[in-house]
């Protein structure tokens, strides 16, 4: 009836570049977890992990082509989750 279908063709090189960036970010997480103090590696994880999740959501799950309010809602949810996990780590470090 009134359903419109939009096809978004994404070149493979975009997926390969995002995948390579995800590998680099994973390497950063591994390096920080082995080289730095635990508290500093937690901060690195709290910063890099949502960035990785955003890349996966935007490119591999095609959130890039959704409406802006849906994108904002997803990132608001990720931000609140990151905030709560960060507060939890502050509580653990305080003990």
C-alpha atoms as a PDB file:
ATOM      1  CA  UNK A   1       0.000   0.000   0.000  1.00  0.00           C
ATOM      2  CA  UNK A   2       1.900   3.037   1.225  1.00  0.00           C
ATOM      3  CA  UNK A   3       5.136   1.328   2.173  1.00  0.00           C
ATOM      4  CA  UNK A   4       8.206   2.812   0.618  1.00  0.00           C
ATOM      5  CA  UNK A   5      11.403   0.843   0.482  1.00  0.00           C
ATOM      6  CA  UNK A   6      14.703   2.681   0.553  1.00  0.00           C
ATOM      7  CA  UNK A   7      17.754   0.753  -0.476  1.00  0.00           C
ATOM      8  CA  UNK A   8      21.088   2.026   0.785  1.00  0.00           C
ATOM      9  CA  UNK A   9      24.051   0.579  -1.018  1.00  0.00           C
ATOM     10  CA  UNK A  10      27.166   0.897   1.099  1.00  0.00           C
ATOM     11  CA  UNK A  11      30.508   0.147  -0.551  1.00  0.00           C
ATOM     12  CA  UNK A  12      32.540  -2.692   0.939  1.00  0.00           C
ATOM     13  CA  UNK A  13      35.473  -0.364   1.578  1.00  0.00           C
ATOM     14  CA  UNK A  14      33.371   1.476   4.185  1.00  0.00           C
ATOM     15  CA  UNK A  15      32.758  -1.763   6.064  1.00  0.00           C
ATOM     16  CA  UNK A  16      36.427  -2.755   5.820  1.00  0.00           C
ATOM     17  CA  UNK A  17      37.560   0.649   7.147  1.00  0.00           C
ATOM     18  CA  UNK A  18      35.126   0.498  10.046  1.00  0.00           C
ATOM     19  CA  UNK A  19      36.214  -3.067  10.798  1.00  0.00           C
ATOM     20  CA  UNK A  20      39.885  -2.004  10.804  1.00  0.00           C
ATOM     21  CA  UNK A  21      39.043   0.899  13.114  1.00  0.00           C
ATOM     22  CA  UNK A  22      37.256  -1.520  15.435  1.00  0.00           C
ATOM     23  CA  UNK A  23      40.374  -3.718  15.461  1.00  0.00           C
ATOM     24  CA  UNK A  24      42.551  -0.711  16.332  1.00  0.00           C
ATOM     25  CA  UNK A  25      40.196   0.314  19.139  1.00  0.00           C
ATOM     26  CA  UNK A  26      40.202  -3.254  20.459  1.00  0.00           C
ATOM     27  CA  UNK A  27      44.008  -3.177  20.409  1.00  0.00           C
ATOM     28  CA  UNK A  28      43.924   0.055  22.395  1.00  0.00           C
ATOM     29  CA  UNK A  29      41.663  -1.568  24.981  1.00  0.00           C
ATOM     30  CA  UNK A  30      43.929  -4.610  25.266  1.00  0.00           C
ATOM     31  CA  UNK A  31      47.037  -2.441  25.584  1.00  0.00           C
ATOM     32  CA  UNK A  32      45.515  -0.204  28.252  1.00  0.00           C
ATOM     33  CA  UNK A  33      44.250  -3.139  30.270  1.00  0.00           C
ATOM     34  CA  UNK A  34      47.719  -4.700  30.399  1.00  0.00           C
ATOM     35  CA  UNK A  35      49.931  -1.601  30.654  1.00  0.00           C
ATOM     36  CA  UNK A  36      48.020   0.839  32.859  1.00  0.00           C
ATOM     37  CA  UNK A  37      46.672   0.829  36.360  1.00  0.00           C
ATOM     38  CA  UNK A  38      43.222  -0.721  36.745  1.00  0.00           C
ATOM     39  CA  UNK A  39      41.491   2.615  37.358  1.00  0.00           C
ATOM     40  CA  UNK A  40      42.968   4.143  34.207  1.00  0.00           C
ATOM     41  CA  UNK A  41      42.084   1.123  32.110  1.00  0.00           C
ATOM     42  CA  UNK A  42      38.487   1.390  33.331  1.00  0.00           C
ATOM     43  CA  UNK A  43      38.361   4.974  32.032  1.00  0.00           C
ATOM     44  CA  UNK A  44      39.747   3.827  28.697  1.00  0.00           C
ATOM     45  CA  UNK A  45      37.089   1.130  28.541  1.00  0.00           C
ATOM     46  CA  UNK A  46      34.340   3.599  29.429  1.00  0.00           C
ATOM     47  CA  UNK A  47      35.445   5.879  26.603  1.00  0.00           C
ATOM     48  CA  UNK A  48      36.385   3.414  23.854  1.00  0.00           C
ATOM     49  CA  UNK A  49      33.660   0.801  24.306  1.00  0.00           C
ATOM     50  CA  UNK A  50      30.704   3.163  23.638  1.00  0.00           C
ATOM     51  CA  UNK A  51      32.613   4.489  20.635  1.00  0.00           C
ATOM     52  CA  UNK A  52      32.955   0.945  19.309  1.00  0.00           C
ATOM     53  CA  UNK A  53      29.277   0.275  19.994  1.00  0.00           C
ATOM     54  CA  UNK A  54      28.367   3.444  18.115  1.00  0.00           C
ATOM     55  CA  UNK A  55      30.420   2.386  15.104  1.00  0.00           C
ATOM     56  CA  UNK A  56      28.742  -1.014  15.041  1.00  0.00           C
ATOM     57  CA  UNK A  57      25.295   0.538  15.412  1.00  0.00           C
ATOM     58  CA  UNK A  58      25.877   3.187  12.755  1.00  0.00           C
ATOM     59  CA  UNK A  59      27.551   1.123  10.081  1.00  0.00           C
ATOM     60  CA  UNK A  60      26.828  -2.573  10.582  1.00  0.00           C
ATOM     61  CA  UNK A  61      23.284  -2.149  11.888  1.00  0.00           C
ATOM     62  CA  UNK A  62      22.581   0.746   9.468  1.00  0.00           C
ATOM     63  CA  UNK A  63      21.453   3.206  12.145  1.00  0.00           C
ATOM     64  CA  UNK A  64      23.032   5.855   9.949  1.00  0.00           C
ATOM     65  CA  UNK A  65      19.965   5.756   7.708  1.00  0.00           C
ATOM     66  CA  UNK A  66      17.340   5.994  10.454  1.00  0.00           C
ATOM     67  CA  UNK A  67      15.521   9.103  11.583  1.00  0.00           C
ATOM     68  CA  UNK A  68      17.467  11.522  13.824  1.00  0.00           C
ATOM     69  CA  UNK A  69      15.251  11.030  16.875  1.00  0.00           C
ATOM     70  CA  UNK A  70      15.862   7.265  16.816  1.00  0.00           C
ATOM     71  CA  UNK A  71      19.621   7.846  16.605  1.00  0.00           C
ATOM     72  CA  UNK A  72      19.443  10.315  19.486  1.00  0.00           C
ATOM     73  CA  UNK A  73      17.448   7.853  21.569  1.00  0.00           C
ATOM     74  CA  UNK A  74      19.988   5.080  21.000  1.00  0.00           C
ATOM     75  CA  UNK A  75      22.923   7.298  21.945  1.00  0.00           C
ATOM     76  CA  UNK A  76      21.093   8.689  24.959  1.00  0.00           C
ATOM     77  CA  UNK A  77      20.549   5.120  26.140  1.00  0.00           C
ATOM     78  CA  UNK A  78      24.226   4.265  25.610  1.00  0.00           C
ATOM     79  CA  UNK A  79      25.255   7.430  27.450  1.00  0.00           C
ATOM     80  CA  UNK A  80      23.038   6.691  30.449  1.00  0.00           C
ATOM     81  CA  UNK A  81      24.302   3.108  30.566  1.00  0.00           C
ATOM     82  CA  UNK A  82      27.907   4.355  30.473  1.00  0.00           C
ATOM     83  CA  UNK A  83      27.143   6.881  33.215  1.00  0.00           C
ATOM     84  CA  UNK A  84      25.655   4.234  35.494  1.00  0.00           C
ATOM     85  CA  UNK A  85      28.559   1.860  34.924  1.00  0.00           C
ATOM     86  CA  UNK A  86      30.972   4.717  35.672  1.00  0.00           C
ATOM     87  CA  UNK A  87      29.139   5.517  38.910  1.00  0.00           C
ATOM     88  CA  UNK A  88      29.315   1.845  39.841  1.00  0.00           C
ATOM     89  CA  UNK A  89      33.096   1.844  39.345  1.00  0.00           C
ATOM     90  CA  UNK A  90      33.458   4.971  41.485  1.00  0.00           C
ATOM     91  CA  UNK A  91      31.576   3.164  44.240  1.00  0.00           C
ATOM     92  CA  UNK A  92      33.828   0.124  43.919  1.00  0.00           C
ATOM     93  CA  UNK A  93      37.001   2.256  43.957  1.00  0.00           C
ATOM     94  CA  UNK A  94      35.796   4.069  47.084  1.00  0.00           C
ATOM     95  CA  UNK A  95      35.622   0.865  49.143  1.00  0.00           C
END
